[in-house]
Amino acid sequence: MKATIWHNPSCGTSRKTLALLAETPGMELTVVEYLVTPPSADKLAQLYRDAGMTPQQGLRLRGTDAEERGLPAAGDAQVLAAMVAEPRLIERPLVETDKGVRLCRPQEKVHEIL
């Protein structure tokens, strides 16, 4: 099975999810440090669509100024543009496999797509 994780090595939940993926037998894992290599707006839109969530639901509020900027109530295009411009606004970790996409908070949610 192939999996891609949009990872922040400073985040404990992201590290725990990465460890779960790395421990999965036969896993072909791609790790994208999204703060260094942010996904495009199109890729983010696809990830959220495949996860069954809105961009607003994928917005990181803790430790950001997203609420002050009104992003939770903003339209999809505005939220996605803000995330691309400032990837710290992306809640993590996002994991994509052939079985779907999950925002793995808590990290055990990754099991839904393995």
PDB file of N, CA and C in Angstrom:
ATOM      1  N   MET A   1       0.839  -1.178   0.000  1.00  0.00           N
ATOM      2  CA  MET A   1       0.000   0.000   0.000  1.00  0.00           C
ATOM      3  C   MET A   1       0.885   1.242   0.000  1.00  0.00           C
ATOM      4  N   LYS A   2       0.420   2.270  -0.691  1.00  0.00           N
ATOM      5  CA  LYS A   2       1.116   3.552  -0.729  1.00  0.00           C
ATOM      6  C   LYS A   2       0.377   4.541   0.156  1.00  0.00           C
ATOM      7  N   ALA A   3       1.145   5.394   0.819  1.00  0.00           N
ATOM      8  CA  ALA A   3       0.564   6.455   1.641  1.00  0.00           C
ATOM      9  C   ALA A   3       1.424   7.695   1.541  1.00  0.00           C
ATOM     10  N   THR A   4       0.762   8.840   1.577  1.00  0.00           N
ATOM     11  CA  THR A   4       1.451  10.124   1.645  1.00  0.00           C
ATOM     12  C   THR A   4       0.965  10.827   2.896  1.00  0.00           C
ATOM     13  N   ILE A   5       1.904  11.317   3.690  1.00  0.00           N
ATOM     14  CA  ILE A   5       1.561  12.092   4.878  1.00  0.00           C
ATOM     15  C   ILE A   5       2.093  13.501   4.702  1.00  0.00           C
ATOM     16  N   TRP A   6       1.227  14.480   4.947  1.00  0.00           N
ATOM     17  CA  TRP A   6       1.639  15.888   4.987  1.00  0.00           C
ATOM     18  C   TRP A   6       1.974  16.128   6.443  1.00  0.00           C
ATOM     19  N   HIS A   7       3.257  16.230   6.712  1.00  0.00           N
ATOM     20  CA  HIS A   7       3.834  16.074   8.042  1.00  0.00           C
ATOM     21  C   HIS A   7       4.504  17.340   8.537  1.00  0.00           C
ATOM     22  N   ASN A   8       4.387  17.560   9.842  1.00  0.00           N
ATOM     23  CA  ASN A   8       5.136  18.605  10.527  1.00  0.00           C
ATOM     24  C   ASN A   8       5.936  17.910  11.624  1.00  0.00           C
ATOM     25  N   PRO A   9       7.255  17.818  11.485  1.00  0.00           N
ATOM     26  CA  PRO A   9       8.054  17.092  12.464  1.00  0.00           C
ATOM     27  C   PRO A   9       8.012  17.694  13.865  1.00  0.00           C
ATOM     28  N   SER A  10       7.549  18.925  14.010  1.00  0.00           N
ATOM     29  CA  SER A  10       7.436  19.553  15.327  1.00  0.00           C
ATOM     30  C   SER A  10       6.156  19.162  16.057  1.00  0.00           C
ATOM     31  N   CYS A  11       5.256  18.488  15.367  1.00  0.00           N
ATOM     32  CA  CYS A  11       3.938  18.146  15.922  1.00  0.00           C
ATOM     33  C   CYS A  11       3.941  16.704  16.429  1.00  0.00           C
ATOM     34  N   GLY A  12       3.604  16.520  17.697  1.00  0.00           N
ATOM     35  CA  GLY A  12       3.564  15.190  18.283  1.00  0.00           C
ATOM     36  C   GLY A  12       2.574  14.271  17.606  1.00  0.00           C
ATOM     37  N   THR A  13       1.383  14.753  17.291  1.00  0.00           N
ATOM     38  CA  THR A  13       0.382  13.924  16.623  1.00  0.00           C
ATOM     39  C   THR A  13       0.871  13.504  15.243  1.00  0.00           C
ATOM     40  N   SER A  14       1.524  14.418  14.547  1.00  0.00           N
ATOM     41  CA  SER A  14       2.056  14.104  13.231  1.00  0.00           C
ATOM     42  C   SER A  14       3.160  13.047  13.341  1.00  0.00           C
ATOM     43  N   ARG A  15       4.025  13.187  14.332  1.00  0.00           N
ATOM     44  CA  ARG A  15       5.094  12.191  14.529  1.00  0.00           C
ATOM     45  C   ARG A  15       4.517  10.820  14.874  1.00  0.00           C
ATOM     46  N   LYS A  16       3.492  10.785  15.712  1.00  0.00           N
ATOM     47  CA  LYS A  16       2.866   9.508  16.092  1.00  0.00           C
ATOM     48  C   LYS A  16       2.181   8.861  14.890  1.00  0.00           C
ATOM     49  N   THR A  17       1.530   9.664  14.059  1.00  0.00           N
ATOM     50  CA  THR A  17       0.893   9.128  12.858  1.00  0.00           C
ATOM     51  C   THR A  17       1.938   8.585  11.902  1.00  0.00           C
ATOM     52  N   LEU A  18       3.018   9.304  11.727  1.00  0.00           N
ATOM     53  CA  LEU A  18       4.112   8.841  10.876  1.00  0.00           C
ATOM     54  C   LEU A  18       4.663   7.512  11.389  1.00  0.00           C
ATOM     55  N   ALA A  19       4.806   7.371  12.696  1.00  0.00           N
ATOM     56  CA  ALA A  19       5.302   6.125  13.272  1.00  0.00           C
ATOM     57  C   ALA A  19       4.340   4.970  12.980  1.00  0.00           C
ATOM     58  N   LEU A  20       3.026   5.221  13.101  1.00  0.00           N
ATOM     59  CA  LEU A  20       2.050   4.180  12.777  1.00  0.00           C
ATOM     60  C   LEU A  20       2.175   3.742  11.321  1.00  0.00           C
ATOM     61  N   LEU A  21       2.340   4.692  10.432  1.00  0.00           N
ATOM     62  CA  LEU A  21       2.495   4.372   9.009  1.00  0.00           C
ATOM     63  C   LEU A  21       3.788   3.602   8.763  1.00  0.00           C
ATOM     64  N   ALA A  22       4.871   4.045   9.391  1.00  0.00           N
ATOM     65  CA  ALA A  22       6.174   3.404   9.188  1.00  0.00           C
ATOM     66  C   ALA A  22       6.178   1.967   9.707  1.00  0.00           C
ATOM     67  N   GLU A  23       5.356   1.677  10.705  1.00  0.00           N
ATOM     68  CA  GLU A  23       5.274   0.336  11.287  1.00  0.00           C
ATOM     69  C   GLU A  23       4.354  -0.592  10.504  1.00  0.00           C
ATOM     70  N   THR A  24       3.642  -0.071   9.518  1.00  0.00           N
ATOM     71  CA  THR A  24       2.702  -0.872   8.742  1.00  0.00           C
ATOM     72  C   THR A  24       3.467  -1.695   7.707  1.00  0.00           C
ATOM     73  N   PRO A  25       3.354  -3.021   7.772  1.00  0.00           N
ATOM     74  CA  PRO A  25       4.085  -3.876   6.827  1.00  0.00           C
ATOM     75  C   PRO A  25       3.697  -3.573   5.373  1.00  0.00           C
ATOM     76  N   GLY A  26       4.698  -3.517   4.515  1.00  0.00           N
ATOM     77  CA  GLY A  26       4.461  -3.312   3.090  1.00  0.00           C
ATOM     78  C   GLY A  26       4.120  -1.889   2.690  1.00  0.00           C
ATOM     79  N   MET A  27       4.257  -0.948   3.609  1.00  0.00           N
ATOM     80  CA  MET A  27       3.884   0.447   3.335  1.00  0.00           C
ATOM     81  C   MET A  27       4.957   1.144   2.514  1.00  0.00           C
ATOM     82  N   GLU A  28       4.537   1.745   1.389  1.00  0.00           N
ATOM     83  CA  GLU A  28       5.396   2.636   0.605  1.00  0.00           C
ATOM     84  C   GLU A  28       5.012   4.049   1.007  1.00  0.00           C
ATOM     85  N   LEU A  29       5.852   4.673   1.785  1.00  0.00           N
ATOM     86  CA  LEU A  29       5.502   5.927   2.438  1.00  0.00           C
ATOM     87  C   LEU A  29       6.215   7.114   1.801  1.00  0.00           C
ATOM     88  N   THR A  30       5.443   8.148   1.511  1.00  0.00           N
ATOM     89  CA  THR A  30       5.984   9.426   1.058  1.00  0.00           C
ATOM     90  C   THR A  30       5.692  10.438   2.147  1.00  0.00           C
ATOM     91  N   VAL A  31       6.713  11.125   2.596  1.00  0.00           N
ATOM     92  CA  VAL A  31       6.577  12.139   3.637  1.00  0.00           C
ATOM     93  C   VAL A  31       6.799  13.508   3.011  1.00  0.00           C
ATOM     94  N   VAL A  32       5.804  14.368   3.149  1.00  0.00           N
ATOM     95  CA  VAL A  32       5.906  15.731   2.633  1.00  0.00           C
ATOM     96  C   VAL A  32       5.878  16.677   3.831  1.00  0.00           C
ATOM     97  N   GLU A  33       6.978  17.369   4.064  1.00  0.00           N
ATOM     98  CA  GLU A  33       6.986  18.385   5.111  1.00  0.00           C
ATOM     99  C   GLU A  33       6.315  19.625   4.523  1.00  0.00           C
ATOM    100  N   TYR A  34       5.029  19.757   4.812  1.00  0.00           N
ATOM    101  CA  TYR A  34       4.210  20.763   4.132  1.00  0.00           C
ATOM    102  C   TYR A  34       4.597  22.192   4.462  1.00  0.00           C
ATOM    103  N   LEU A  35       5.309  22.412   5.562  1.00  0.00           N
ATOM    104  CA  LEU A  35       5.764  23.768   5.849  1.00  0.00           C
ATOM    105  C   LEU A  35       6.899  24.171   4.912  1.00  0.00           C
ATOM    106  N   VAL A  36       7.637  23.179   4.394  1.00  0.00           N
ATOM    107  CA  VAL A  36       8.732  23.410   3.450  1.00  0.00           C
ATOM    108  C   VAL A  36       8.214  23.340   2.013  1.00  0.00           C
ATOM    109  N   THR A  37       7.346  22.361   1.752  1.00  0.00           N
ATOM    110  CA  THR A  37       6.787  22.139   0.419  1.00  0.00           C
ATOM    111  C   THR A  37       5.263  22.100   0.535  1.00  0.00           C
ATOM    112  N   PRO A  38       4.618  23.265   0.560  1.00  0.00           N
ATOM    113  CA  PRO A  38       3.166  23.273   0.741  1.00  0.00           C
ATOM    114  C   PRO A  38       2.424  22.735  -0.474  1.00  0.00           C
ATOM    115  N   PRO A  39       1.300  22.066  -0.229  1.00  0.00           N
ATOM    116  CA  PRO A  39       0.485  21.612  -1.359  1.00  0.00           C
ATOM    117  C   PRO A  39      -0.174  22.805  -2.053  1.00  0.00           C
ATOM    118  N   SER A  40      -0.546  22.600  -3.293  1.00  0.00           N
ATOM    119  CA  SER A  40      -1.261  23.638  -4.044  1.00  0.00           C
ATOM    120  C   SER A  40      -2.692  23.743  -3.531  1.00  0.00           C
ATOM    121  N   ALA A  41      -3.361  24.805  -3.912  1.00  0.00           N
ATOM    122  CA  ALA A  41      -4.768  24.965  -3.548  1.00  0.00           C
ATOM    123  C   ALA A  41      -5.596  23.831  -4.136  1.00  0.00           C
ATOM    124  N   ASP A  42      -5.284  23.428  -5.375  1.00  0.00           N
ATOM    125  CA  ASP A  42      -6.017  22.317  -6.000  1.00  0.00           C
ATOM    126  C   ASP A  42      -5.818  21.016  -5.238  1.00  0.00           C
ATOM    127  N   LYS A  43      -4.582  20.754  -4.804  1.00  0.00           N
ATOM    128  CA  LYS A  43      -4.304  19.527  -4.054  1.00  0.00           C
ATOM    129  C   LYS A  43      -5.017  19.554  -2.709  1.00  0.00           C
ATOM    130  N   LEU A  44      -4.961  20.683  -2.023  1.00  0.00           N
ATOM    131  CA  LEU A  44      -5.675  20.801  -0.748  1.00  0.00           C
ATOM    132  C   LEU A  44      -7.173  20.588  -0.936  1.00  0.00           C
ATOM    133  N   ALA A  45      -7.746  21.196  -1.964  1.00  0.00           N
ATOM    134  CA  ALA A  45      -9.180  21.033  -2.224  1.00  0.00           C
ATOM    135  C   ALA A  45      -9.512  19.563  -2.454  1.00  0.00           C
ATOM    136  N   GLN A  46      -8.662  18.866  -3.211  1.00  0.00           N
ATOM    137  CA  GLN A  46      -8.875  17.430  -3.466  1.00  0.00           C
ATOM    138  C   GLN A  46      -8.760  16.623  -2.179  1.00  0.00           C
ATOM    139  N   LEU A  47      -7.765  16.923  -1.352  1.00  0.00           N
ATOM    140  CA  LEU A  47      -7.592  16.200  -0.087  1.00  0.00           C
ATOM    141  C   LEU A  47      -8.813  16.377   0.811  1.00  0.00           C
ATOM    142  N   TYR A  48      -9.275  17.595   0.965  1.00  0.00           N
ATOM    143  CA  TYR A  48     -10.437  17.844   1.820  1.00  0.00           C
ATOM    144  C   TYR A  48     -11.696  17.206   1.242  1.00  0.00           C
ATOM    145  N   ARG A  49     -11.869  17.296  -0.054  1.00  0.00           N
ATOM    146  CA  ARG A  49     -13.024  16.661  -0.709  1.00  0.00           C
ATOM    147  C   ARG A  49     -12.998  15.152  -0.452  1.00  0.00           C
ATOM    148  N   ASP A  50     -11.835  14.527  -0.657  1.00  0.00           N
ATOM    149  CA  ASP A  50     -11.712  13.085  -0.468  1.00  0.00           C
ATOM    150  C   ASP A  50     -11.853  12.679   0.994  1.00  0.00           C
ATOM    151  N   ALA A  51     -11.555  13.596   1.905  1.00  0.00           N
ATOM    152  CA  ALA A  51     -11.710  13.327   3.336  1.00  0.00           C
ATOM    153  C   ALA A  51     -13.145  13.584   3.799  1.00  0.00           C
ATOM    154  N   GLY A  52     -13.968  14.174   2.914  1.00  0.00           N
ATOM    155  CA  GLY A  52     -15.349  14.483   3.284  1.00  0.00           C
ATOM    156  C   GLY A  52     -15.450  15.663   4.233  1.00  0.00           C
ATOM    157  N   MET A  53     -14.547  16.610   4.055  1.00  0.00           N
ATOM    158  CA  MET A  53     -14.554  17.782   4.922  1.00  0.00           C
ATOM    159  C   MET A  53     -14.353  19.050   4.093  1.00  0.00           C
ATOM    160  N   THR A  54     -14.609  20.172   4.725  1.00  0.00           N
ATOM    161  CA  THR A  54     -14.427  21.460   4.058  1.00  0.00           C
ATOM    162  C   THR A  54     -13.036  22.010   4.369  1.00  0.00           C
ATOM    163  N   PRO A  55     -12.551  22.925   3.556  1.00  0.00           N
ATOM    164  CA  PRO A  55     -11.284  23.576   3.886  1.00  0.00           C
ATOM    165  C   PRO A  55     -11.326  24.239   5.274  1.00  0.00           C
ATOM    166  N   GLN A  56     -12.473  24.782   5.631  1.00  0.00           N
ATOM    167  CA  GLN A  56     -12.597  25.422   6.936  1.00  0.00           C
ATOM    168  C   GLN A  56     -12.382  24.406   8.068  1.00  0.00           C
ATOM    169  N   GLN A  57     -12.821  23.168   7.871  1.00  0.00           N
ATOM    170  CA  GLN A  57     -12.621  22.122   8.868  1.00  0.00           C
ATOM    171  C   GLN A  57     -11.162  21.678   8.940  1.00  0.00           C
ATOM    172  N   GLY A  58     -10.404  21.963   7.900  1.00  0.00           N
ATOM    173  CA  GLY A  58      -8.990  21.619   7.870  1.00  0.00           C
ATOM    174  C   GLY A  58      -8.085  22.770   8.282  1.00  0.00           C
ATOM    175  N   LEU A  59      -8.690  23.829   8.777  1.00  0.00           N
ATOM    176  CA  LEU A  59      -7.955  25.029   9.161  1.00  0.00           C
ATOM    177  C   LEU A  59      -7.404  24.876  10.571  1.00  0.00           C
ATOM    178  N   ARG A  60      -6.135  25.129  10.735  1.00  0.00           N
ATOM    179  CA  ARG A  60      -5.532  25.087  12.070  1.00  0.00           C
ATOM    180  C   ARG A  60      -5.821  26.396  12.786  1.00  0.00           C
ATOM    181  N   LEU A  61      -6.494  26.306  13.916  1.00  0.00           N
ATOM    182  CA  LEU A  61      -6.844  27.494  14.692  1.00  0.00           C
ATOM    183  C   LEU A  61      -5.832  27.742  15.804  1.00  0.00           C
ATOM    184  N   ARG A  62      -5.405  26.662  16.447  1.00  0.00           N
ATOM    185  CA  ARG A  62      -4.491  26.788  17.576  1.00  0.00           C
ATOM    186  C   ARG A  62      -3.126  27.300  17.100  1.00  0.00           C
ATOM    187  N   GLY A  63      -2.666  28.371  17.745  1.00  0.00           N
ATOM    188  CA  GLY A  63      -1.357  28.911  17.423  1.00  0.00           C
ATOM    189  C   GLY A  63      -1.297  29.714  16.138  1.00  0.00           C
ATOM    190  N   THR A  64      -2.459  30.047  15.585  1.00  0.00           N
ATOM    191  CA  THR A  64      -2.503  30.858  14.361  1.00  0.00           C
ATOM    192  C   THR A  64      -3.440  32.046  14.572  1.00  0.00           C
ATOM    193  N   ASP A  65      -3.466  32.925  13.595  1.00  0.00           N
ATOM    194  CA  ASP A  65      -4.377  34.073  13.648  1.00  0.00           C
ATOM    195  C   ASP A  65      -5.598  33.854  12.749  1.00  0.00           C
ATOM    196  N   ALA A  66      -5.918  32.590  12.468  1.00  0.00           N
ATOM    197  CA  ALA A  66      -7.016  32.274  11.546  1.00  0.00           C
ATOM    198  C   ALA A  66      -8.346  32.869  11.997  1.00  0.00           C
ATOM    199  N   GLU A  67      -8.640  32.767  13.281  1.00  0.00           N
ATOM    200  CA  GLU A  67      -9.922  33.306  13.770  1.00  0.00           C
ATOM    201  C   GLU A  67      -9.958  34.822  13.664  1.00  0.00           C
ATOM    202  N   GLU A  68      -8.865  35.477  14.023  1.00  0.00           N
ATOM    203  CA  GLU A  68      -8.812  36.938  13.938  1.00  0.00           C
ATOM    204  C   GLU A  68      -8.984  37.415  12.500  1.00  0.00           C
ATOM    205  N   ARG A  69      -8.527  36.606  11.565  1.00  0.00           N
ATOM    206  CA  ARG A  69      -8.645  36.955  10.144  1.00  0.00           C
ATOM    207  C   ARG A  69     -10.001  36.573   9.561  1.00  0.00           C
ATOM    208  N   GLY A  70     -10.854  35.948  10.354  1.00  0.00           N
ATOM    209  CA  GLY A  70     -12.174  35.565   9.874  1.00  0.00           C
ATOM    210  C   GLY A  70     -12.180  34.356   8.957  1.00  0.00           C
ATOM    211  N   LEU A  71     -11.111  33.579   8.952  1.00  0.00           N
ATOM    212  CA  LEU A  71     -11.009  32.459   8.015  1.00  0.00           C
ATOM    213  C   LEU A  71     -12.024  31.334   8.271  1.00  0.00           C
ATOM    214  N   PRO A  72     -12.399  31.037   9.521  1.00  0.00           N
ATOM    215  CA  PRO A  72     -13.378  29.968   9.709  1.00  0.00           C
ATOM    216  C   PRO A  72     -14.720  30.242   9.005  1.00  0.00           C
ATOM    217  N   ALA A  73     -15.040  31.508   8.789  1.00  0.00           N
ATOM    218  CA  ALA A  73     -16.291  31.868   8.126  1.00  0.00           C
ATOM    219  C   ALA A  73     -16.086  32.263   6.664  1.00  0.00           C
ATOM    220  N   ALA A  74     -14.857  32.224   6.190  1.00  0.00           N
ATOM    221  CA  ALA A  74     -14.548  32.641   4.818  1.00  0.00           C
ATOM    222  C   ALA A  74     -14.914  31.542   3.828  1.00  0.00           C
ATOM    223  N   GLY A  75     -14.945  31.899   2.562  1.00  0.00           N
ATOM    224  CA  GLY A  75     -15.229  30.942   1.502  1.00  0.00           C
ATOM    225  C   GLY A  75     -14.051  30.006   1.264  1.00  0.00           C
ATOM    226  N   ASP A  76     -14.345  28.899   0.591  1.00  0.00           N
ATOM    227  CA  ASP A  76     -13.322  27.885   0.333  1.00  0.00           C
ATOM    228  C   ASP A  76     -12.089  28.464  -0.348  1.00  0.00           C
ATOM    229  N   ALA A  77     -12.280  29.241  -1.397  1.00  0.00           N
ATOM    230  CA  ALA A  77     -11.143  29.774  -2.157  1.00  0.00           C
ATOM    231  C   ALA A  77     -10.255  30.654  -1.290  1.00  0.00           C
ATOM    232  N   GLN A  78     -10.860  31.461  -0.435  1.00  0.00           N
ATOM    233  CA  GLN A  78     -10.077  32.340   0.440  1.00  0.00           C
ATOM    234  C   GLN A  78      -9.295  31.524   1.469  1.00  0.00           C
ATOM    235  N   VAL A  79      -9.920  30.489   2.029  1.00  0.00           N
ATOM    236  CA  VAL A  79      -9.247  29.639   3.018  1.00  0.00           C
ATOM    237  C   VAL A  79      -8.086  28.894   2.357  1.00  0.00           C
ATOM    238  N   LEU A  80      -8.333  28.318   1.194  1.00  0.00           N
ATOM    239  CA  LEU A  80      -7.275  27.579   0.489  1.00  0.00           C
ATOM    240  C   LEU A  80      -6.116  28.497   0.117  1.00  0.00           C
ATOM    241  N   ALA A  81      -6.415  29.703  -0.348  1.00  0.00           N
ATOM    242  CA  ALA A  81      -5.362  30.660  -0.697  1.00  0.00           C
ATOM    243  C   ALA A  81      -4.535  31.026   0.533  1.00  0.00           C
ATOM    244  N   ALA A  82      -5.196  31.214   1.669  1.00  0.00           N
ATOM    245  CA  ALA A  82      -4.479  31.534   2.909  1.00  0.00           C
ATOM    246  C   ALA A  82      -3.576  30.374   3.321  1.00  0.00           C
ATOM    247  N   MET A  83      -4.063  29.138   3.163  1.00  0.00           N
ATOM    248  CA  MET A  83      -3.272  27.959   3.526  1.00  0.00           C
ATOM    249  C   MET A  83      -2.038  27.816   2.639  1.00  0.00           C
ATOM    250  N   VAL A  84      -2.193  28.087   1.359  1.00  0.00           N
ATOM    251  CA  VAL A  84      -1.058  27.998   0.439  1.00  0.00           C
ATOM    252  C   VAL A  84      -0.033  29.081   0.778  1.00  0.00           C
ATOM    253  N   ALA A  85      -0.518  30.283   1.073  1.00  0.00           N
ATOM    254  CA  ALA A  85       0.377  31.392   1.400  1.00  0.00           C
ATOM    255  C   ALA A  85       1.053  31.196   2.758  1.00  0.00           C
ATOM    256  N   GLU A  86       0.321  30.601   3.700  1.00  0.00           N
ATOM    257  CA  GLU A  86       0.840  30.378   5.052  1.00  0.00           C
ATOM    258  C   GLU A  86       0.504  28.948   5.459  1.00  0.00           C
ATOM    259  N   PRO A  87       1.341  27.982   5.101  1.00  0.00           N
ATOM    260  CA  PRO A  87       1.026  26.579   5.349  1.00  0.00           C
ATOM    261  C   PRO A  87       0.830  26.220   6.823  1.00  0.00           C
ATOM    262  N   ARG A  88       1.268  27.077   7.733  1.00  0.00           N
ATOM    263  CA  ARG A  88       1.032  26.795   9.151  1.00  0.00           C
ATOM    264  C   ARG A  88      -0.462  26.785   9.476  1.00  0.00           C
ATOM    265  N   LEU A  89      -1.281  27.312   8.561  1.00  0.00           N
ATOM    266  CA  LEU A  89      -2.734  27.311   8.742  1.00  0.00           C
ATOM    267  C   LEU A  89      -3.363  25.946   8.429  1.00  0.00           C
ATOM    268  N   ILE A  90      -2.585  25.022   7.886  1.00  0.00           N
ATOM    269  CA  ILE A  90      -3.088  23.692   7.549  1.00  0.00           C
ATOM    270  C   ILE A  90      -3.017  22.813   8.797  1.00  0.00           C
ATOM    271  N   GLU A  91      -4.163  22.280   9.217  1.00  0.00           N
ATOM    272  CA  GLU A  91      -4.163  21.338  10.342  1.00  0.00           C
ATOM    273  C   GLU A  91      -3.506  20.056   9.887  1.00  0.00           C
ATOM    274  N   ARG A  92      -2.781  19.424  10.784  1.00  0.00           N
ATOM    275  CA  ARG A  92      -2.007  18.254  10.416  1.00  0.00           C
ATOM    276  C   ARG A  92      -2.245  17.137  11.400  1.00  0.00           C
ATOM    277  N   PRO A  93      -1.870  15.941  10.964  1.00  0.00           N
ATOM    278  CA  PRO A  93      -1.365  15.521   9.668  1.00  0.00           C
ATOM    279  C   PRO A  93      -2.484  15.036   8.760  1.00  0.00           C
ATOM    280  N   LEU A  94      -2.371  15.329   7.507  1.00  0.00           N
ATOM    281  CA  LEU A  94      -3.252  14.756   6.485  1.00  0.00           C
ATOM    282  C   LEU A  94      -2.551  13.534   5.918  1.00  0.00           C
ATOM    283  N   VAL A  95      -3.304  12.441   5.748  1.00  0.00           N
ATOM    284  CA  VAL A  95      -2.753  11.218   5.176  1.00  0.00           C
ATOM    285  C   VAL A  95      -3.655  10.776   4.038  1.00  0.00           C
ATOM    286  N   GLU A  96      -3.036  10.422   2.908  1.00  0.00           N
ATOM    287  CA  GLU A  96      -3.761   9.945   1.732  1.00  0.00           C
ATOM    288  C   GLU A  96      -3.265   8.552   1.367  1.00  0.00           C
ATOM    289  N   THR A  97      -4.214   7.620   1.195  1.00  0.00           N
ATOM    290  CA  THR A  97      -3.915   6.289   0.680  1.00  0.00           C
ATOM    291  C   THR A  97      -4.915   5.988  -0.434  1.00  0.00           C
ATOM    292  N   ASP A  98      -4.803   4.805  -1.019  1.00  0.00           N
ATOM    293  CA  ASP A  98      -5.775   4.402  -2.043  1.00  0.00           C
ATOM    294  C   ASP A  98      -7.186   4.269  -1.467  1.00  0.00           C
ATOM    295  N   LYS A  99      -7.284   4.144  -0.155  1.00  0.00           N
ATOM    296  CA  LYS A  99      -8.585   3.973   0.498  1.00  0.00           C
ATOM    297  C   LYS A  99      -9.208   5.284   0.940  1.00  0.00           C
ATOM    298  N   GLY A 100      -8.494   6.399   0.763  1.00  0.00           N
ATOM    299  CA  GLY A 100      -9.068   7.682   1.126  1.00  0.00           C
ATOM    300  C   GLY A 100      -8.081   8.615   1.781  1.00  0.00           C
ATOM    301  N   VAL A 101      -8.627   9.668   2.369  1.00  0.00           N
ATOM    302  CA  VAL A 101      -7.847  10.707   3.036  1.00  0.00           C
ATOM    303  C   VAL A 101      -8.439  10.928   4.419  1.00  0.00           C
ATOM    304  N   ARG A 102      -7.567  11.140   5.388  1.00  0.00           N
ATOM    305  CA  ARG A 102      -8.020  11.484   6.729  1.00  0.00           C
ATOM    306  C   ARG A 102      -7.125  12.569   7.307  1.00  0.00           C
ATOM    307  N   LEU A 103      -7.758  13.458   8.067  1.00  0.00           N
ATOM    308  CA  LEU A 103      -7.036  14.350   8.953  1.00  0.00           C
ATOM    309  C   LEU A 103      -6.878  13.537  10.230  1.00  0.00           C
ATOM    310  N   CYS A 104      -5.681  13.132  10.532  1.00  0.00           N
ATOM    311  CA  CYS A 104      -5.431  12.132  11.583  1.00  0.00           C
ATOM    312  C   CYS A 104      -5.238  12.772  12.950  1.00  0.00           C
ATOM    313  N   ARG A 105      -6.318  13.331  13.445  1.00  0.00           N
ATOM    314  CA  ARG A 105      -6.386  13.878  14.794  1.00  0.00           C
ATOM    315  C   ARG A 105      -7.601  13.250  15.443  1.00  0.00           C
ATOM    316  N   PRO A 106      -7.440  12.273  16.316  1.00  0.00           N
ATOM    317  CA  PRO A 106      -6.197  11.704  16.814  1.00  0.00           C
ATOM    318  C   PRO A 106      -5.537  10.790  15.770  1.00  0.00           C
ATOM    319  N   GLN A 107      -4.305  10.415  16.072  1.00  0.00           N
ATOM    320  CA  GLN A 107      -3.517   9.650  15.097  1.00  0.00           C
ATOM    321  C   GLN A 107      -4.148   8.315  14.722  1.00  0.00           C
ATOM    322  N   GLU A 108      -4.972   7.748  15.591  1.00  0.00           N
ATOM    323  CA  GLU A 108      -5.597   6.447  15.299  1.00  0.00           C
ATOM    324  C   GLU A 108      -6.542   6.500  14.098  1.00  0.00           C
ATOM    325  N   LYS A 109      -6.965   7.687  13.712  1.00  0.00           N
ATOM    326  CA  LYS A 109      -7.845   7.811  12.540  1.00  0.00           C
ATOM    327  C   LYS A 109      -7.186   7.274  11.272  1.00  0.00           C
ATOM    328  N   VAL A 110      -5.855   7.195  11.268  1.00  0.00           N
ATOM    329  CA  VAL A 110      -5.152   6.676  10.095  1.00  0.00           C
ATOM    330  C   VAL A 110      -5.572   5.238   9.804  1.00  0.00           C
ATOM    331  N   HIS A 111      -5.961   4.475  10.828  1.00  0.00           N
ATOM    332  CA  HIS A 111      -6.358   3.079  10.634  1.00  0.00           C
ATOM    333  C   HIS A 111      -7.586   2.940   9.720  1.00  0.00           C
ATOM    334  N   GLU A 112      -8.386   4.010   9.616  1.00  0.00           N
ATOM    335  CA  GLU A 112      -9.580   3.988   8.768  1.00  0.00           C
ATOM    336  C   GLU A 112      -9.231   3.861   7.288  1.00  0.00           C
ATOM    337  N   ILE A 113      -8.018   4.231   6.917  1.00  0.00           N
ATOM    338  CA  ILE A 113      -7.643   4.225   5.503  1.00  0.00           C
ATOM    339  C   ILE A 113      -6.465   3.288   5.213  1.00  0.00           C
ATOM    340  N   LEU A 114      -6.208   2.370   6.117  1.00  0.00           N
ATOM    341  CA  LEU A 114      -5.130   1.395   5.907  1.00  0.00           C
ATOM    342  C   LEU A 114      -5.711   0.046   5.518  1.00  0.00           C
TER     343      LEU A 114
END
